[in-house]
Amino acid sequence: RGPGRVWLQSMPISNLAAKIRQYIPSKG
């Protein structure tokens, strides 16, 4: 439990996925 968990729950899944894509660019 911590601020990280609250941040994850408050953020929509679609928004989170888009952010992850920035860090992990899909290659073919």
N, C-alpha and C. Protein backbone atom coordinates (compact mmCIF):
# COMPACT_ATOMS: atom_id res chain seq x y z
N ARG A 1 0.84 -1.19 0.00
CA ARG A 1 0.00 0.00 0.00
C ARG A 1 0.88 1.25 0.00
N GLY A 2 0.43 2.29 -0.69
CA GLY A 2 1.22 3.51 -0.78
C GLY A 2 0.66 4.44 -1.85
N PRO A 3 1.28 5.56 -2.07
CA PRO A 3 0.79 6.54 -3.06
C PRO A 3 0.79 5.95 -4.47
N GLY A 4 1.69 5.03 -4.73
CA GLY A 4 1.77 4.42 -6.06
C GLY A 4 0.48 3.69 -6.40
N ARG A 5 -0.09 3.02 -5.40
CA ARG A 5 -1.32 2.24 -5.65
C ARG A 5 -2.49 3.17 -5.94
N VAL A 6 -2.60 4.24 -5.18
CA VAL A 6 -3.71 5.18 -5.40
C VAL A 6 -3.59 5.82 -6.78
N TRP A 7 -2.36 6.10 -7.19
CA TRP A 7 -2.12 6.72 -8.50
C TRP A 7 -2.56 5.79 -9.61
N LEU A 8 -2.31 4.50 -9.41
CA LEU A 8 -2.68 3.51 -10.44
C LEU A 8 -4.19 3.39 -10.54
N GLN A 9 -4.87 3.33 -9.41
CA GLN A 9 -6.33 3.15 -9.43
C GLN A 9 -7.02 4.38 -9.99
N SER A 10 -6.50 5.58 -9.69
CA SER A 10 -7.15 6.80 -10.16
C SER A 10 -6.93 7.00 -11.66
N MET A 11 -5.86 6.41 -12.19
CA MET A 11 -5.57 6.57 -13.63
C MET A 11 -6.28 5.49 -14.44
N PRO A 12 -6.96 5.88 -15.50
CA PRO A 12 -7.64 4.91 -16.37
C PRO A 12 -6.66 3.92 -16.96
N ILE A 13 -7.12 2.70 -17.24
CA ILE A 13 -6.25 1.67 -17.80
C ILE A 13 -5.72 2.11 -19.16
N SER A 14 -6.61 2.69 -19.99
CA SER A 14 -6.19 3.11 -21.33
C SER A 14 -5.08 4.14 -21.24
N ASN A 15 -5.19 5.05 -20.29
CA ASN A 15 -4.17 6.09 -20.13
C ASN A 15 -2.86 5.46 -19.68
N LEU A 16 -2.95 4.49 -18.78
CA LEU A 16 -1.75 3.82 -18.28
C LEU A 16 -1.05 3.06 -19.41
N ALA A 17 -1.84 2.37 -20.22
CA ALA A 17 -1.27 1.60 -21.34
C ALA A 17 -0.54 2.54 -22.29
N ALA A 18 -1.12 3.69 -22.57
CA ALA A 18 -0.49 4.64 -23.49
C ALA A 18 0.85 5.10 -22.93
N LYS A 19 0.91 5.31 -21.62
CA LYS A 19 2.16 5.77 -21.00
C LYS A 19 3.22 4.67 -21.09
N ILE A 20 2.81 3.43 -20.86
CA ILE A 20 3.76 2.32 -20.93
C ILE A 20 4.31 2.19 -22.35
N ARG A 21 3.45 2.46 -23.34
CA ARG A 21 3.91 2.34 -24.73
C ARG A 21 5.06 3.31 -25.00
N GLN A 22 5.06 4.45 -24.35
CA GLN A 22 6.14 5.42 -24.56
C GLN A 22 7.47 4.83 -24.09
N TYR A 23 7.44 4.11 -22.98
CA TYR A 23 8.67 3.52 -22.45
C TYR A 23 9.05 2.25 -23.21
N ILE A 24 8.04 1.52 -23.71
CA ILE A 24 8.31 0.27 -24.44
C ILE A 24 7.73 0.35 -25.85
N PRO A 25 8.47 0.95 -26.78
CA PRO A 25 8.00 1.05 -28.16
C PRO A 25 7.91 -0.33 -28.80
N SER A 26 6.77 -0.60 -29.44
CA SER A 26 6.59 -1.91 -30.08
C SER A 26 7.38 -1.96 -31.37
N LYS A 27 8.14 -3.04 -31.57
CA LYS A 27 8.95 -3.17 -32.80
C LYS A 27 8.44 -4.35 -33.62
N GLY A 28 7.60 -4.04 -34.62
CA GLY A 28 7.12 -5.07 -35.53
C GLY A 28 6.53 -6.25 -34.81
